[in-house]
Amino acid sequence: MRAMVFDGASPRLQALDLPDPTPLPGQLLIDVHACGVCRTDLHVVDGELAHPKRPLIPGHEIVGVVARVGAGVTDFAPGERVGVPWLGHACGHCRYCAAGRENLCDAPGFTGYTIDGGYAERVVADARYCLHLPQRYSDVEAAPLLCAGLIGYRTLSMAGDAKRIGIYGFGAAAHIVAQVARHQGRAVYAFTRPGDVAAQRLAIKLKAHWAGGSDEAPPDELDAALIFASVGALVPAALAAVAKGGAVVCGGIHMSDIPSFPYDLLWGERRVMSVANLTREDGREFMRIAGQFHLDLHTTPYPLNDANRALADLRDGRLTGAAVLTMRQ
């Protein structure tokens, strides 16, 4: 099989021909049709996340078809479409797993980080952590649901019942969660890079109440702010925009240092929280919601061999929506 491989030293992936993986008991062998390109992949290859598997096949927004099932698998059969998300394994017995918080597991495995992922023509995955996907989406459309959608949904959920939602960093996750928020009857305020007119236009097209640069103040106080850009300086900016009792939820796995800010920005029972990973229940619930109405998913497809170009476009801010690698030429 062809795979794009991170050697642990250079951010440039290598195109290699590797043997097909073999499914162990409880695993699926999957013919990959599409794999989303996530900012987390960029953090891995740029060395911003410590201790990845080396060498590593990145990618954790995987859509494919089951080719073979390992012994003991009952939830999937050959020929079924399947999605593979970021959480690839949890220990099942630490205090977090025992409390239903497997996203905080002490000994987890993560697809495309500690487990080989989907920048390849084939992948193996633990069937217990795989997801059935809504049929209304194509393979390319479904790929960003598996992280941008899932993490966006968990981030929105942590904002509680907030009605006026600010979203900082209007990329792959934001353009999905904005639609979910609107479907739930919330007002969305979109904050983009200053001067990013294309992203602001997309936000308005997706029925945002307001769109502007992250250096601007919104026209109304926010009840909560969701931050998807990996820029620590957005935390005090978001705190300044939320009303008393409001929440600032950081949805990324990595962020630059948060600068100091006056206590007045936090006072008034404002809260700052982070999102860590996802649970299988998150996955099932979000796929149910995604099947209820059609999400307008903005994607840019790239052939597998162009993974480095996709990562560079993401790194340099040349994307609107989500990049997706496709295996079928």
C-alpha atoms as a PDB file:
ATOM      1  CA  MET A   1       0.000   0.000   0.000  1.00  0.00           C
ATOM      2  CA  ARG A   2       1.039   3.622  -0.513  1.00  0.00           C
ATOM      3  CA  ALA A   3       1.393   5.722   2.650  1.00  0.00           C
ATOM      4  CA  MET A   4       2.662   9.166   3.620  1.00  0.00           C
ATOM      5  CA  VAL A   5       5.044   8.717   6.546  1.00  0.00           C
ATOM      6  CA  PHE A   6       6.404  11.101   9.182  1.00  0.00           C
ATOM      7  CA  ASP A   7       9.947  10.063  10.180  1.00  0.00           C
ATOM      8  CA  GLY A   8      10.028  12.134  13.362  1.00  0.00           C
ATOM      9  CA  ALA A   9      12.758  14.445  12.114  1.00  0.00           C
ATOM     10  CA  SER A  10      11.456  16.407   9.135  1.00  0.00           C
ATOM     11  CA  PRO A  11       7.978  17.947   8.799  1.00  0.00           C
ATOM     12  CA  ARG A  12       7.966  16.770   5.180  1.00  0.00           C
ATOM     13  CA  LEU A  13       6.212  13.412   4.840  1.00  0.00           C
ATOM     14  CA  GLN A  14       7.740  10.640   2.733  1.00  0.00           C
ATOM     15  CA  ALA A  15       5.714   8.648   0.182  1.00  0.00           C
ATOM     16  CA  LEU A  16       6.461   4.966   0.833  1.00  0.00           C
ATOM     17  CA  ASP A  17       5.140   1.608  -0.361  1.00  0.00           C
ATOM     18  CA  LEU A  18       4.485  -0.527   2.727  1.00  0.00           C
ATOM     19  CA  PRO A  19       2.971  -3.975   3.358  1.00  0.00           C
ATOM     20  CA  ASP A  20      -0.751  -4.013   4.077  1.00  0.00           C
ATOM     21  CA  PRO A  21      -1.458  -4.168   7.832  1.00  0.00           C
ATOM     22  CA  THR A  22      -3.135  -7.275   9.255  1.00  0.00           C
ATOM     23  CA  PRO A  23      -6.145  -6.955  11.582  1.00  0.00           C
ATOM     24  CA  LEU A  24      -5.708  -8.473  15.032  1.00  0.00           C
ATOM     25  CA  PRO A  25      -8.654  -9.797  17.066  1.00  0.00           C
ATOM     26  CA  GLY A  26     -11.116  -6.944  17.626  1.00  0.00           C
ATOM     27  CA  GLN A  27      -9.739  -4.871  14.751  1.00  0.00           C
ATOM     28  CA  LEU A  28     -10.925  -3.847  11.296  1.00  0.00           C
ATOM     29  CA  LEU A  29      -8.832  -3.702   8.149  1.00  0.00           C
ATOM     30  CA  ILE A  30     -10.147  -0.692   6.235  1.00  0.00           C
ATOM     31  CA  ASP A  31      -9.702   0.395   2.634  1.00  0.00           C
ATOM     32  CA  VAL A  32      -9.284   4.145   3.109  1.00  0.00           C
ATOM     33  CA  HIS A  33     -11.288   6.324   0.716  1.00  0.00           C
ATOM     34  CA  ALA A  34     -10.668   9.726   2.324  1.00  0.00           C
ATOM     35  CA  CYS A  35      -8.808  11.218   5.286  1.00  0.00           C
ATOM     36  CA  GLY A  36      -9.186  14.740   6.583  1.00  0.00           C
ATOM     37  CA  VAL A  37      -6.146  16.936   7.193  1.00  0.00           C
ATOM     38  CA  CYS A  38      -6.424  18.340  10.710  1.00  0.00           C
ATOM     39  CA  ARG A  39      -4.467  21.060  12.474  1.00  0.00           C
ATOM     40  CA  THR A  40      -3.460  18.384  14.983  1.00  0.00           C
ATOM     41  CA  ASP A  41      -1.612  16.615  12.142  1.00  0.00           C
ATOM     42  CA  LEU A  42       0.242  19.866  11.589  1.00  0.00           C
ATOM     43  CA  HIS A  43       1.138  20.107  15.290  1.00  0.00           C
ATOM     44  CA  VAL A  44       2.535  16.549  15.108  1.00  0.00           C
ATOM     45  CA  VAL A  45       4.742  17.021  12.048  1.00  0.00           C
ATOM     46  CA  ASP A  46       5.868  20.488  13.196  1.00  0.00           C
ATOM     47  CA  GLY A  47       7.078  19.013  16.504  1.00  0.00           C
ATOM     48  CA  GLU A  48       4.586  20.876  18.683  1.00  0.00           C
ATOM     49  CA  LEU A  49       3.190  17.647  20.205  1.00  0.00           C
ATOM     50  CA  ALA A  50       5.630  15.465  22.091  1.00  0.00           C
ATOM     51  CA  HIS A  51       6.247  11.729  21.748  1.00  0.00           C
ATOM     52  CA  PRO A  52       4.449  10.705  18.566  1.00  0.00           C
ATOM     53  CA  LYS A  53       4.936   7.180  17.268  1.00  0.00           C
ATOM     54  CA  ARG A  54       8.041   7.111  15.052  1.00  0.00           C
ATOM     55  CA  PRO A  55       7.815   6.466  12.180  1.00  0.00           C
ATOM     56  CA  LEU A  56       4.164   7.464  11.954  1.00  0.00           C
ATOM     57  CA  ILE A  57       1.395   7.499   9.381  1.00  0.00           C
ATOM     58  CA  PRO A  58      -0.653  10.600  10.368  1.00  0.00           C
ATOM     59  CA  GLY A  59      -4.379  11.134   9.920  1.00  0.00           C
ATOM     60  CA  HIS A  60      -7.370  10.661  12.219  1.00  0.00           C
ATOM     61  CA  GLU A  61     -10.382  11.705  10.143  1.00  0.00           C
ATOM     62  CA  ILE A  62     -10.631   8.436   8.241  1.00  0.00           C
ATOM     63  CA  VAL A  63     -13.473   7.277   6.008  1.00  0.00           C
ATOM     64  CA  GLY A  64     -13.307   3.915   4.321  1.00  0.00           C
ATOM     65  CA  VAL A  65     -14.858   0.520   3.753  1.00  0.00           C
ATOM     66  CA  VAL A  66     -14.232  -2.570   5.872  1.00  0.00           C
ATOM     67  CA  ALA A  67     -12.073  -5.031   3.942  1.00  0.00           C
ATOM     68  CA  ARG A  68     -11.662  -7.652   6.692  1.00  0.00           C
ATOM     69  CA  VAL A  69     -12.720  -8.080  10.303  1.00  0.00           C
ATOM     70  CA  GLY A  70     -10.595  -9.563  13.058  1.00  0.00           C
ATOM     71  CA  ALA A  71     -11.830 -12.285  15.363  1.00  0.00           C
ATOM     72  CA  GLY A  72     -14.601 -11.235  17.729  1.00  0.00           C
ATOM     73  CA  VAL A  73     -15.848  -8.214  15.757  1.00  0.00           C
ATOM     74  CA  THR A  74     -19.658  -8.083  15.595  1.00  0.00           C
ATOM     75  CA  ASP A  75     -20.533  -4.408  14.993  1.00  0.00           C
ATOM     76  CA  PHE A  76     -19.090  -4.151  11.471  1.00  0.00           C
ATOM     77  CA  ALA A  77     -18.986  -6.416   8.425  1.00  0.00           C
ATOM     78  CA  PRO A  78     -16.918  -6.403   5.218  1.00  0.00           C
ATOM     79  CA  GLY A  79     -18.256  -3.863   2.739  1.00  0.00           C
ATOM     80  CA  GLU A  80     -19.649  -1.470   5.372  1.00  0.00           C
ATOM     81  CA  ARG A  81     -18.568   2.170   5.393  1.00  0.00           C
ATOM     82  CA  VAL A  82     -16.794   3.145   8.602  1.00  0.00           C
ATOM     83  CA  GLY A  83     -15.261   6.195  10.258  1.00  0.00           C
ATOM     84  CA  VAL A  84     -12.128   6.207  12.423  1.00  0.00           C
ATOM     85  CA  PRO A  85     -11.707   9.172  14.831  1.00  0.00           C
ATOM     86  CA  TRP A  86      -8.886  10.540  17.004  1.00  0.00           C
ATOM     87  CA  LEU A  87      -9.586   8.347  20.051  1.00  0.00           C
ATOM     88  CA  GLY A  88      -8.296   4.966  18.966  1.00  0.00           C
ATOM     89  CA  HIS A  89      -8.098   3.200  22.321  1.00  0.00           C
ATOM     90  CA  ALA A  90      -8.750   3.717  26.033  1.00  0.00           C
ATOM     91  CA  CYS A  91      -7.573   1.472  28.861  1.00  0.00           C
ATOM     92  CA  GLY A  92     -11.081   0.935  30.264  1.00  0.00           C
ATOM     93  CA  HIS A  93      -9.995   0.644  33.913  1.00  0.00           C
ATOM     94  CA  CYS A  94      -8.366   3.882  35.082  1.00  0.00           C
ATOM     95  CA  ARG A  95     -10.430   6.210  37.281  1.00  0.00           C
ATOM     96  CA  TYR A  96     -11.411   8.345  34.306  1.00  0.00           C
ATOM     97  CA  CYS A  97     -12.592   5.422  32.179  1.00  0.00           C
ATOM     98  CA  ALA A  98     -14.462   4.015  35.182  1.00  0.00           C
ATOM     99  CA  ALA A  99     -16.298   7.334  35.513  1.00  0.00           C
ATOM    100  CA  GLY A 100     -17.322   7.457  31.845  1.00  0.00           C
ATOM    101  CA  ARG A 101     -14.621  10.011  30.992  1.00  0.00           C
ATOM    102  CA  GLU A 102     -12.513   7.949  28.602  1.00  0.00           C
ATOM    103  CA  ASN A 103     -11.426  11.145  26.849  1.00  0.00           C
ATOM    104  CA  LEU A 104      -9.176  11.705  29.912  1.00  0.00           C
ATOM    105  CA  CYS A 105      -7.845   8.114  30.012  1.00  0.00           C
ATOM    106  CA  ASP A 106      -4.419   7.701  31.633  1.00  0.00           C
ATOM    107  CA  ALA A 107      -3.236   5.249  28.948  1.00  0.00           C
ATOM    108  CA  PRO A 108      -4.972   6.200  25.693  1.00  0.00           C
ATOM    109  CA  GLY A 109      -4.106   5.523  22.078  1.00  0.00           C
ATOM    110  CA  PHE A 110      -4.661   8.215  19.447  1.00  0.00           C
ATOM    111  CA  THR A 111      -5.131   7.580  15.742  1.00  0.00           C
ATOM    112  CA  GLY A 112      -2.463   9.275  13.653  1.00  0.00           C
ATOM    113  CA  TYR A 113      -0.371  10.126  16.734  1.00  0.00           C
ATOM    114  CA  THR A 114       0.427   7.021  18.794  1.00  0.00           C
ATOM    115  CA  ILE A 115      -1.333   4.654  16.341  1.00  0.00           C
ATOM    116  CA  ASP A 116      -0.792   4.697  12.576  1.00  0.00           C
ATOM    117  CA  GLY A 117      -3.534   6.656  10.849  1.00  0.00           C
ATOM    118  CA  GLY A 118      -5.210   7.289   7.535  1.00  0.00           C
ATOM    119  CA  TYR A 119      -2.678   8.993   5.267  1.00  0.00           C
ATOM    120  CA  ALA A 120      -2.514   5.580   3.603  1.00  0.00           C
ATOM    121  CA  GLU A 121      -4.478   3.297   1.326  1.00  0.00           C
ATOM    122  CA  ARG A 122      -5.228   0.888   4.175  1.00  0.00           C
ATOM    123  CA  VAL A 123      -5.397   1.106   7.966  1.00  0.00           C
ATOM    124  CA  VAL A 124      -6.280  -1.121  10.919  1.00  0.00           C
ATOM    125  CA  ALA A 125      -8.404   0.200  13.787  1.00  0.00           C
ATOM    126  CA  ASP A 126      -9.998  -1.064  16.991  1.00  0.00           C
ATOM    127  CA  ALA A 127     -13.611  -1.765  15.999  1.00  0.00           C
ATOM    128  CA  ARG A 128     -14.899  -0.599  19.414  1.00  0.00           C
ATOM    129  CA  TYR A 129     -13.791   2.970  18.641  1.00  0.00           C
ATOM    130  CA  CYS A 130     -14.987   3.126  15.033  1.00  0.00           C
ATOM    131  CA  LEU A 131     -18.195   4.861  13.996  1.00  0.00           C
ATOM    132  CA  HIS A 132     -21.065   4.299  11.614  1.00  0.00           C
ATOM    133  CA  LEU A 133     -21.475   7.353   9.383  1.00  0.00           C
ATOM    134  CA  PRO A 134     -24.600   9.141   8.095  1.00  0.00           C
ATOM    135  CA  GLN A 135     -25.234   8.005   4.535  1.00  0.00           C
ATOM    136  CA  ARG A 136     -26.211  11.483   3.347  1.00  0.00           C
ATOM    137  CA  TYR A 137     -22.544  12.549   3.150  1.00  0.00           C
ATOM    138  CA  SER A 138     -19.961  11.542   0.543  1.00  0.00           C
ATOM    139  CA  ASP A 139     -16.640  10.110   1.711  1.00  0.00           C
ATOM    140  CA  VAL A 140     -14.900  13.481   1.278  1.00  0.00           C
ATOM    141  CA  GLU A 141     -17.704  15.320   3.093  1.00  0.00           C
ATOM    142  CA  ALA A 142     -17.765  12.790   5.954  1.00  0.00           C
ATOM    143  CA  ALA A 143     -14.021  12.971   6.682  1.00  0.00           C
ATOM    144  CA  PRO A 144     -13.995  16.318   8.586  1.00  0.00           C
ATOM    145  CA  LEU A 145     -16.938  15.159  10.695  1.00  0.00           C
ATOM    146  CA  LEU A 146     -14.548  12.763  12.444  1.00  0.00           C
ATOM    147  CA  CYS A 147     -12.498  15.418  14.229  1.00  0.00           C
ATOM    148  CA  ALA A 148     -13.415  18.937  13.149  1.00  0.00           C
ATOM    149  CA  GLY A 149     -17.040  17.987  13.685  1.00  0.00           C
ATOM    150  CA  LEU A 150     -16.586  15.839  16.779  1.00  0.00           C
ATOM    151  CA  ILE A 151     -14.254  18.159  18.668  1.00  0.00           C
ATOM    152  CA  GLY A 152     -16.315  21.151  17.597  1.00  0.00           C
ATOM    153  CA  TYR A 153     -19.433  19.464  18.953  1.00  0.00           C
ATOM    154  CA  ARG A 154     -17.753  18.636  22.292  1.00  0.00           C
ATOM    155  CA  THR A 155     -16.474  22.223  22.524  1.00  0.00           C
ATOM    156  CA  LEU A 156     -19.972  23.592  21.900  1.00  0.00           C
ATOM    157  CA  SER A 157     -21.437  21.179  24.460  1.00  0.00           C
ATOM    158  CA  MET A 158     -19.057  22.496  27.121  1.00  0.00           C
ATOM    159  CA  ALA A 159     -20.527  25.969  26.595  1.00  0.00           C
ATOM    160  CA  GLY A 160     -23.793  24.705  28.078  1.00  0.00           C
ATOM    161  CA  ASP A 161     -26.970  26.448  26.993  1.00  0.00           C
ATOM    162  CA  ALA A 162     -25.264  29.700  25.938  1.00  0.00           C
ATOM    163  CA  LYS A 163     -27.339  31.480  23.301  1.00  0.00           C
ATOM    164  CA  ARG A 164     -24.792  33.918  21.829  1.00  0.00           C
ATOM    165  CA  ILE A 165     -21.731  31.963  20.734  1.00  0.00           C
ATOM    166  CA  GLY A 166     -18.488  33.555  19.568  1.00  0.00           C
ATOM    167  CA  ILE A 167     -16.246  31.337  17.423  1.00  0.00           C
ATOM    168  CA  TYR A 168     -12.585  32.315  17.096  1.00  0.00           C
ATOM    169  CA  GLY A 169     -10.710  30.789  14.165  1.00  0.00           C
ATOM    170  CA  PHE A 170     -13.200  30.074  11.398  1.00  0.00           C
ATOM    171  CA  GLY A 171     -11.705  26.954   9.817  1.00  0.00           C
ATOM    172  CA  ALA A 172     -12.687  23.299   9.532  1.00  0.00           C
ATOM    173  CA  ALA A 173     -14.136  22.829  13.026  1.00  0.00           C
ATOM    174  CA  ALA A 174     -15.763  26.260  13.207  1.00  0.00           C
ATOM    175  CA  HIS A 175     -17.641  26.035   9.918  1.00  0.00           C
ATOM    176  CA  ILE A 176     -19.249  22.780  11.105  1.00  0.00           C
ATOM    177  CA  VAL A 177     -20.018  23.749  14.691  1.00  0.00           C
ATOM    178  CA  ALA A 178     -21.469  27.070  13.551  1.00  0.00           C
ATOM    179  CA  GLN A 179     -24.147  25.149  11.644  1.00  0.00           C
ATOM    180  CA  VAL A 180     -24.861  22.880  14.616  1.00  0.00           C
ATOM    181  CA  ALA A 181     -25.205  25.939  16.856  1.00  0.00           C
ATOM    182  CA  ARG A 182     -27.598  27.580  14.397  1.00  0.00           C
ATOM    183  CA  HIS A 183     -29.595  24.327  14.173  1.00  0.00           C
ATOM    184  CA  GLN A 184     -29.931  24.510  17.974  1.00  0.00           C
ATOM    185  CA  GLY A 185     -31.278  28.052  17.785  1.00  0.00           C
ATOM    186  CA  ARG A 186     -28.132  29.876  18.926  1.00  0.00           C
ATOM    187  CA  ALA A 187     -26.710  33.090  17.450  1.00  0.00           C
ATOM    188  CA  VAL A 188     -23.189  32.750  16.028  1.00  0.00           C
ATOM    189  CA  TYR A 189     -20.532  35.479  15.983  1.00  0.00           C
ATOM    190  CA  ALA A 190     -17.539  34.533  13.813  1.00  0.00           C
ATOM    191  CA  PHE A 191     -14.024  35.870  14.445  1.00  0.00           C
ATOM    192  CA  THR A 192     -11.425  35.288  11.718  1.00  0.00           C
ATOM    193  CA  ARG A 193      -7.860  36.343  11.095  1.00  0.00           C
ATOM    194  CA  PRO A 194      -7.926  40.114  10.558  1.00  0.00           C
ATOM    195  CA  GLY A 195      -8.587  40.764   6.893  1.00  0.00           C
ATOM    196  CA  ASP A 196      -9.689  37.194   6.055  1.00  0.00           C
ATOM    197  CA  VAL A 197     -12.664  38.273   3.976  1.00  0.00           C
ATOM    198  CA  ALA A 198     -13.184  34.787   2.457  1.00  0.00           C
ATOM    199  CA  ALA A 199     -13.690  33.187   5.886  1.00  0.00           C
ATOM    200  CA  GLN A 200     -15.996  36.030   6.948  1.00  0.00           C
ATOM    201  CA  ARG A 201     -18.080  35.563   3.808  1.00  0.00           C
ATOM    202  CA  LEU A 202     -18.320  31.832   4.505  1.00  0.00           C
ATOM    203  CA  ALA A 203     -19.484  32.561   8.050  1.00  0.00           C
ATOM    204  CA  ILE A 204     -22.232  34.872   6.815  1.00  0.00           C
ATOM    205  CA  LYS A 205     -23.233  32.322   4.164  1.00  0.00           C
ATOM    206  CA  LEU A 206     -23.607  29.800   6.993  1.00  0.00           C
ATOM    207  CA  LYS A 207     -26.003  32.203   8.748  1.00  0.00           C
ATOM    208  CA  ALA A 208     -23.637  33.738  11.301  1.00  0.00           C
ATOM    209  CA  HIS A 209     -25.233  36.761  12.976  1.00  0.00           C
ATOM    210  CA  TRP A 210     -21.962  38.704  12.607  1.00  0.00           C
ATOM    211  CA  ALA A 211     -18.466  38.122  11.225  1.00  0.00           C
ATOM    212  CA  GLY A 212     -15.314  40.154  11.692  1.00  0.00           C
ATOM    213  CA  GLY A 213     -11.641  40.025  12.574  1.00  0.00           C
ATOM    214  CA  SER A 214     -10.363  38.688  15.890  1.00  0.00           C
ATOM    215  CA  ASP A 215      -9.098  42.206  16.614  1.00  0.00           C
ATOM    216  CA  GLU A 216     -12.670  43.555  16.538  1.00  0.00           C
ATOM    217  CA  ALA A 217     -15.288  43.721  19.279  1.00  0.00           C
ATOM    218  CA  PRO A 218     -18.613  42.005  18.521  1.00  0.00           C
ATOM    219  CA  PRO A 219     -21.768  44.145  18.454  1.00  0.00           C
ATOM    220  CA  ASP A 220     -23.253  42.230  21.410  1.00  0.00           C
ATOM    221  CA  GLU A 221     -21.928  40.614  24.582  1.00  0.00           C
ATOM    222  CA  LEU A 222     -21.337  36.884  24.135  1.00  0.00           C
ATOM    223  CA  ASP A 223     -22.573  34.171  26.464  1.00  0.00           C
ATOM    224  CA  ALA A 224     -19.667  31.898  25.479  1.00  0.00           C
ATOM    225  CA  ALA A 225     -16.670  31.841  23.172  1.00  0.00           C
ATOM    226  CA  LEU A 226     -15.168  28.819  21.432  1.00  0.00           C
ATOM    227  CA  ILE A 227     -11.519  29.093  20.381  1.00  0.00           C
ATOM    228  CA  PHE A 228     -10.252  26.845  17.575  1.00  0.00           C
ATOM    229  CA  ALA A 229      -7.209  28.888  16.516  1.00  0.00           C
ATOM    230  CA  SER A 230      -4.008  27.895  18.322  1.00  0.00           C
ATOM    231  CA  VAL A 231      -3.297  31.483  19.400  1.00  0.00           C
ATOM    232  CA  GLY A 232      -3.057  32.054  23.151  1.00  0.00           C
ATOM    233  CA  ALA A 233      -3.656  35.793  22.799  1.00  0.00           C
ATOM    234  CA  LEU A 234      -7.255  35.008  21.812  1.00  0.00           C
ATOM    235  CA  VAL A 235      -8.054  33.886  25.370  1.00  0.00           C
ATOM    236  CA  PRO A 236      -8.002  37.378  26.938  1.00  0.00           C
ATOM    237  CA  ALA A 237      -9.668  38.757  23.800  1.00  0.00           C
ATOM    238  CA  ALA A 238     -12.495  36.250  24.199  1.00  0.00           C
ATOM    239  CA  LEU A 239     -12.787  36.947  27.934  1.00  0.00           C
ATOM    240  CA  ALA A 240     -13.238  40.611  27.100  1.00  0.00           C
ATOM    241  CA  ALA A 241     -16.088  39.705  24.755  1.00  0.00           C
ATOM    242  CA  VAL A 242     -18.078  37.378  27.043  1.00  0.00           C
ATOM    243  CA  ALA A 243     -20.612  38.557  29.587  1.00  0.00           C
ATOM    244  CA  LYS A 244     -20.442  37.826  33.303  1.00  0.00           C
ATOM    245  CA  GLY A 245     -20.931  34.120  33.954  1.00  0.00           C
ATOM    246  CA  GLY A 246     -19.742  33.321  30.439  1.00  0.00           C
ATOM    247  CA  ALA A 247     -17.350  30.587  29.333  1.00  0.00           C
ATOM    248  CA  VAL A 248     -14.310  30.551  27.080  1.00  0.00           C
ATOM    249  CA  VAL A 249     -13.730  27.034  25.746  1.00  0.00           C
ATOM    250  CA  CYS A 250     -10.407  26.213  24.065  1.00  0.00           C
ATOM    251  CA  GLY A 251     -11.038  23.466  21.518  1.00  0.00           C
ATOM    252  CA  GLY A 252      -7.491  22.762  20.309  1.00  0.00           C
ATOM    253  CA  ILE A 253      -4.897  20.250  21.479  1.00  0.00           C
ATOM    254  CA  HIS A 254      -2.099  22.846  21.295  1.00  0.00           C
ATOM    255  CA  MET A 255      -1.990  26.599  21.857  1.00  0.00           C
ATOM    256  CA  SER A 256       0.734  29.209  22.068  1.00  0.00           C
ATOM    257  CA  ASP A 257       1.322  30.747  25.490  1.00  0.00           C
ATOM    258  CA  ILE A 258      -1.558  32.744  26.924  1.00  0.00           C
ATOM    259  CA  PRO A 259      -0.363  36.277  27.777  1.00  0.00           C
ATOM    260  CA  SER A 260      -1.028  37.770  31.183  1.00  0.00           C
ATOM    261  CA  PHE A 261      -4.246  39.709  31.525  1.00  0.00           C
ATOM    262  CA  PRO A 262      -5.950  41.754  34.248  1.00  0.00           C
ATOM    263  CA  TYR A 263      -8.110  39.902  36.729  1.00  0.00           C
ATOM    264  CA  ASP A 264     -11.040  42.122  35.729  1.00  0.00           C
ATOM    265  CA  LEU A 265     -11.355  40.067  32.513  1.00  0.00           C
ATOM    266  CA  LEU A 266     -11.891  36.874  34.519  1.00  0.00           C
ATOM    267  CA  TRP A 267     -13.911  38.353  37.349  1.00  0.00           C
ATOM    268  CA  GLY A 268     -17.675  37.987  37.264  1.00  0.00           C
ATOM    269  CA  GLU A 269     -17.586  34.174  37.310  1.00  0.00           C
ATOM    270  CA  ARG A 270     -16.205  33.913  33.812  1.00  0.00           C
ATOM    271  CA  ARG A 271     -14.587  30.531  33.110  1.00  0.00           C
ATOM    272  CA  VAL A 272     -11.738  29.299  30.891  1.00  0.00           C
ATOM    273  CA  MET A 273     -11.818  25.602  29.956  1.00  0.00           C
ATOM    274  CA  SER A 274     -10.074  23.231  27.574  1.00  0.00           C
ATOM    275  CA  VAL A 275     -11.420  20.301  25.600  1.00  0.00           C
ATOM    276  CA  ALA A 276      -9.475  17.049  25.722  1.00  0.00           C
ATOM    277  CA  ASN A 277     -10.185  14.453  23.038  1.00  0.00           C
ATOM    278  CA  LEU A 278     -13.629  12.852  22.771  1.00  0.00           C
ATOM    279  CA  THR A 279     -15.621   9.882  23.998  1.00  0.00           C
ATOM    280  CA  ARG A 280     -17.338   7.205  21.937  1.00  0.00           C
ATOM    281  CA  GLU A 281     -20.644   8.600  23.147  1.00  0.00           C
ATOM    282  CA  ASP A 282     -19.663  11.996  21.708  1.00  0.00           C
ATOM    283  CA  GLY A 283     -19.083  10.263  18.391  1.00  0.00           C
ATOM    284  CA  ARG A 284     -22.396   8.454  18.327  1.00  0.00           C
ATOM    285  CA  GLU A 285     -24.353  11.532  19.426  1.00  0.00           C
ATOM    286  CA  PHE A 286     -22.715  13.836  16.900  1.00  0.00           C
ATOM    287  CA  MET A 287     -23.252  11.403  14.020  1.00  0.00           C
ATOM    288  CA  ARG A 288     -26.916  11.214  15.015  1.00  0.00           C
ATOM    289  CA  ILE A 289     -27.165  15.027  14.881  1.00  0.00           C
ATOM    290  CA  ALA A 290     -25.264  15.173  11.572  1.00  0.00           C
ATOM    291  CA  GLY A 291     -27.800  12.761  10.143  1.00  0.00           C
ATOM    292  CA  GLN A 292     -30.770  14.934  11.151  1.00  0.00           C
ATOM    293  CA  PHE A 293     -30.044  17.783   8.743  1.00  0.00           C
ATOM    294  CA  HIS A 294     -27.559  18.382   5.969  1.00  0.00           C
ATOM    295  CA  LEU A 295     -24.401  20.153   7.039  1.00  0.00           C
ATOM    296  CA  ASP A 296     -22.915  22.335   4.306  1.00  0.00           C
ATOM    297  CA  LEU A 297     -19.350  21.003   4.374  1.00  0.00           C
ATOM    298  CA  HIS A 298     -16.690  23.029   2.595  1.00  0.00           C
ATOM    299  CA  THR A 299     -13.787  20.792   1.577  1.00  0.00           C
ATOM    300  CA  THR A 300     -10.729  20.976  -0.649  1.00  0.00           C
ATOM    301  CA  PRO A 301      -9.635  17.526  -1.902  1.00  0.00           C
ATOM    302  CA  TYR A 302      -5.995  16.594  -2.481  1.00  0.00           C
ATOM    303  CA  PRO A 303      -4.552  13.314  -3.813  1.00  0.00           C
ATOM    304  CA  LEU A 304      -2.763  11.275  -1.130  1.00  0.00           C
ATOM    305  CA  ASN A 305       0.620  12.051  -2.672  1.00  0.00           C
ATOM    306  CA  ASP A 306      -0.073  15.777  -2.187  1.00  0.00           C
ATOM    307  CA  ALA A 307      -0.331  15.497   1.616  1.00  0.00           C
ATOM    308  CA  ASN A 308       2.620  17.856   2.067  1.00  0.00           C
ATOM    309  CA  ARG A 309       0.915  20.506  -0.054  1.00  0.00           C
ATOM    310  CA  ALA A 310      -2.289  20.134   1.972  1.00  0.00           C
ATOM    311  CA  LEU A 311      -0.370  20.555   5.227  1.00  0.00           C
ATOM    312  CA  ALA A 312       1.463  23.589   3.845  1.00  0.00           C
ATOM    313  CA  ASP A 313      -1.803  25.199   2.736  1.00  0.00           C
ATOM    314  CA  LEU A 314      -3.222  24.633   6.228  1.00  0.00           C
ATOM    315  CA  ARG A 315      -0.058  25.964   7.879  1.00  0.00           C
ATOM    316  CA  ASP A 316      -0.049  29.115   5.750  1.00  0.00           C
ATOM    317  CA  GLY A 317      -3.762  29.872   6.088  1.00  0.00           C
ATOM    318  CA  ARG A 318      -4.615  29.236   2.426  1.00  0.00           C
ATOM    319  CA  LEU A 319      -7.637  27.042   3.199  1.00  0.00           C
ATOM    320  CA  THR A 320     -11.276  27.906   3.728  1.00  0.00           C
ATOM    321  CA  GLY A 321     -13.052  24.901   5.221  1.00  0.00           C
ATOM    322  CA  ALA A 322     -11.337  21.507   5.442  1.00  0.00           C
ATOM    323  CA  ALA A 323      -8.587  19.781   3.442  1.00  0.00           C
ATOM    324  CA  VAL A 324      -9.234  16.108   2.647  1.00  0.00           C
ATOM    325  CA  LEU A 325      -6.862  13.540   1.162  1.00  0.00           C
ATOM    326  CA  THR A 326      -8.399  11.142  -1.347  1.00  0.00           C
ATOM    327  CA  MET A 327      -7.006   7.696  -2.155  1.00  0.00           C
ATOM    328  CA  ARG A 328      -8.801   7.129  -5.458  1.00  0.00           C
ATOM    329  CA  GLN A 329      -6.912   8.799  -8.271  1.00  0.00           C
END
